[in-house]
Amino acid sequence: MAVYKLSDAASEKLTSIYEYSILNFGEQKADEYYLSIHKTFELLAEQPKLGRKFHEFRRHEHGYHIFFYKITEYGILVLYILHQQEDIEEKLR
């Protein structure tokens, strides 16, 4: 069974997404979005080539966010989570 792991940066971003979602959309919506992100990570771990190549990473869009990850021997390592309105090139330098 393939697994996913999060970098420290991705883990911190996921926490901030959850906190922002609670404040702006309520606990139920925050929980739903948080769980949908984890389900997407599980899917990508099982089928890592679903994401398209982007520089030295693979990327996959989900909701308002873009996940950048690398394929590993165990599944995937999620390196970055960015909001779709962030400057991707600038953030990934």
C-alpha atoms as a PDB file:
ATOM      1  CA  MET A   1       0.000   0.000   0.000  1.00  0.00           C
ATOM      2  CA  ALA A   2       1.416   3.356  -1.035  1.00  0.00           C
ATOM      3  CA  VAL A   3       1.541   6.154   1.521  1.00  0.00           C
ATOM      4  CA  TYR A   4       2.035   9.893   1.501  1.00  0.00           C
ATOM      5  CA  LYS A   5       4.183  12.046   3.703  1.00  0.00           C
ATOM      6  CA  LEU A   6       4.171  15.820   4.106  1.00  0.00           C
ATOM      7  CA  SER A   7       7.196  18.073   4.301  1.00  0.00           C
ATOM      8  CA  ASP A   8       7.272  20.494   7.222  1.00  0.00           C
ATOM      9  CA  ALA A   9       6.257  23.316   4.854  1.00  0.00           C
ATOM     10  CA  ALA A  10       3.302  21.331   3.494  1.00  0.00           C
ATOM     11  CA  SER A  11       2.193  20.331   6.990  1.00  0.00           C
ATOM     12  CA  GLU A  12       2.301  23.950   8.184  1.00  0.00           C
ATOM     13  CA  LYS A  13       0.360  25.107   5.127  1.00  0.00           C
ATOM     14  CA  LEU A  14      -2.282  22.430   5.664  1.00  0.00           C
ATOM     15  CA  THR A  15      -2.732  23.615   9.251  1.00  0.00           C
ATOM     16  CA  SER A  16      -3.110  27.215   8.099  1.00  0.00           C
ATOM     17  CA  ILE A  17      -5.650  26.177   5.436  1.00  0.00           C
ATOM     18  CA  TYR A  18      -7.695  24.404   8.089  1.00  0.00           C
ATOM     19  CA  GLU A  19      -7.548  27.345  10.496  1.00  0.00           C
ATOM     20  CA  TYR A  20      -8.484  29.815   7.755  1.00  0.00           C
ATOM     21  CA  SER A  21     -11.360  27.580   6.667  1.00  0.00           C
ATOM     22  CA  ILE A  22     -12.771  27.344  10.197  1.00  0.00           C
ATOM     23  CA  LEU A  23     -12.699  31.120  10.596  1.00  0.00           C
ATOM     24  CA  ASN A  24     -14.215  31.860   7.198  1.00  0.00           C
ATOM     25  CA  PHE A  25     -16.476  28.895   6.413  1.00  0.00           C
ATOM     26  CA  GLY A  26     -17.180  27.120   9.686  1.00  0.00           C
ATOM     27  CA  GLU A  27     -16.011  23.889  11.231  1.00  0.00           C
ATOM     28  CA  GLN A  28     -18.084  21.547   9.056  1.00  0.00           C
ATOM     29  CA  LYS A  29     -16.807  22.998   5.764  1.00  0.00           C
ATOM     30  CA  ALA A  30     -13.259  23.117   7.136  1.00  0.00           C
ATOM     31  CA  ASP A  31     -13.463  19.444   8.108  1.00  0.00           C
ATOM     32  CA  GLU A  32     -14.890  18.493   4.706  1.00  0.00           C
ATOM     33  CA  TYR A  33     -12.146  20.318   2.796  1.00  0.00           C
ATOM     34  CA  TYR A  34      -9.399  19.000   5.103  1.00  0.00           C
ATOM     35  CA  LEU A  35     -10.608  15.420   4.620  1.00  0.00           C
ATOM     36  CA  SER A  36     -10.903  15.892   0.853  1.00  0.00           C
ATOM     37  CA  ILE A  37      -7.273  17.041   0.760  1.00  0.00           C
ATOM     38  CA  HIS A  38      -6.158  13.904   2.605  1.00  0.00           C
ATOM     39  CA  LYS A  39      -8.231  11.704   0.282  1.00  0.00           C
ATOM     40  CA  THR A  40      -6.512  13.381  -2.657  1.00  0.00           C
ATOM     41  CA  PHE A  41      -3.104  12.681  -1.110  1.00  0.00           C
ATOM     42  CA  GLU A  42      -4.114   9.028  -0.725  1.00  0.00           C
ATOM     43  CA  LEU A  43      -5.193   8.892  -4.369  1.00  0.00           C
ATOM     44  CA  LEU A  44      -1.936  10.487  -5.520  1.00  0.00           C
ATOM     45  CA  ALA A  45       0.082   8.052  -3.411  1.00  0.00           C
ATOM     46  CA  GLU A  46      -1.691   5.156  -5.134  1.00  0.00           C
ATOM     47  CA  GLN A  47      -1.532   6.748  -8.599  1.00  0.00           C
ATOM     48  CA  PRO A  48       1.363   9.190  -8.449  1.00  0.00           C
ATOM     49  CA  LYS A  49       1.421   9.920 -12.171  1.00  0.00           C
ATOM     50  CA  LEU A  50      -2.020  11.540 -11.980  1.00  0.00           C
ATOM     51  CA  GLY A  51      -0.266  14.827 -11.338  1.00  0.00           C
ATOM     52  CA  ARG A  52       1.411  16.429 -14.312  1.00  0.00           C
ATOM     53  CA  LYS A  53       5.113  17.176 -14.477  1.00  0.00           C
ATOM     54  CA  PHE A  54       6.129  20.633 -13.356  1.00  0.00           C
ATOM     55  CA  HIS A  55       9.869  21.338 -13.164  1.00  0.00           C
ATOM     56  CA  GLU A  56      11.368  18.675 -10.892  1.00  0.00           C
ATOM     57  CA  PHE A  57       7.992  18.024  -9.221  1.00  0.00           C
ATOM     58  CA  ARG A  58       4.573  16.756 -10.108  1.00  0.00           C
ATOM     59  CA  ARG A  59       1.581  19.011  -9.500  1.00  0.00           C
ATOM     60  CA  HIS A  60      -2.074  18.356  -8.885  1.00  0.00           C
ATOM     61  CA  GLU A  61      -4.885  20.871  -8.445  1.00  0.00           C
ATOM     62  CA  HIS A  62      -7.543  20.355  -5.792  1.00  0.00           C
ATOM     63  CA  GLY A  63     -10.156  22.941  -4.888  1.00  0.00           C
ATOM     64  CA  TYR A  64      -8.362  26.249  -4.487  1.00  0.00           C
ATOM     65  CA  HIS A  65      -4.966  24.657  -3.910  1.00  0.00           C
ATOM     66  CA  ILE A  66      -2.153  23.090  -5.864  1.00  0.00           C
ATOM     67  CA  PHE A  67      -0.063  20.269  -4.455  1.00  0.00           C
ATOM     68  CA  PHE A  68       3.559  19.817  -5.506  1.00  0.00           C
ATOM     69  CA  TYR A  69       5.052  16.427  -4.782  1.00  0.00           C
ATOM     70  CA  LYS A  70       7.755  13.945  -5.655  1.00  0.00           C
ATOM     71  CA  ILE A  71       7.277  10.260  -6.276  1.00  0.00           C
ATOM     72  CA  THR A  72       9.131   8.112  -3.740  1.00  0.00           C
ATOM     73  CA  GLU A  73       9.675   4.407  -3.176  1.00  0.00           C
ATOM     74  CA  TYR A  74       6.853   4.419  -0.588  1.00  0.00           C
ATOM     75  CA  GLY A  75       4.357   6.633  -2.490  1.00  0.00           C
ATOM     76  CA  ILE A  76       4.668  10.421  -2.542  1.00  0.00           C
ATOM     77  CA  LEU A  77       6.222  13.244  -0.570  1.00  0.00           C
ATOM     78  CA  VAL A  78       4.083  16.390  -0.657  1.00  0.00           C
ATOM     79  CA  LEU A  79       6.572  19.229  -0.675  1.00  0.00           C
ATOM     80  CA  TYR A  80       4.404  22.315  -1.103  1.00  0.00           C
ATOM     81  CA  ILE A  81       0.766  23.306  -0.984  1.00  0.00           C
ATOM     82  CA  LEU A  82       0.002  26.642  -2.625  1.00  0.00           C
ATOM     83  CA  HIS A  83      -3.192  28.582  -3.144  1.00  0.00           C
ATOM     84  CA  GLN A  84      -4.095  28.927  -6.803  1.00  0.00           C
ATOM     85  CA  GLN A  85      -3.647  32.717  -6.586  1.00  0.00           C
ATOM     86  CA  GLU A  86      -0.104  32.549  -5.215  1.00  0.00           C
ATOM     87  CA  ASP A  87       2.815  33.222  -7.554  1.00  0.00           C
ATOM     88  CA  ILE A  88       3.952  29.648  -8.101  1.00  0.00           C
ATOM     89  CA  GLU A  89       7.267  30.438  -9.781  1.00  0.00           C
ATOM     90  CA  GLU A  90       8.184  32.856  -7.002  1.00  0.00           C
ATOM     91  CA  LYS A  91       7.215  30.454  -4.179  1.00  0.00           C
ATOM     92  CA  LEU A  92       9.101  27.481  -5.615  1.00  0.00           C
ATOM     93  CA  ARG A  93      12.446  29.239  -6.033  1.00  0.00           C
END
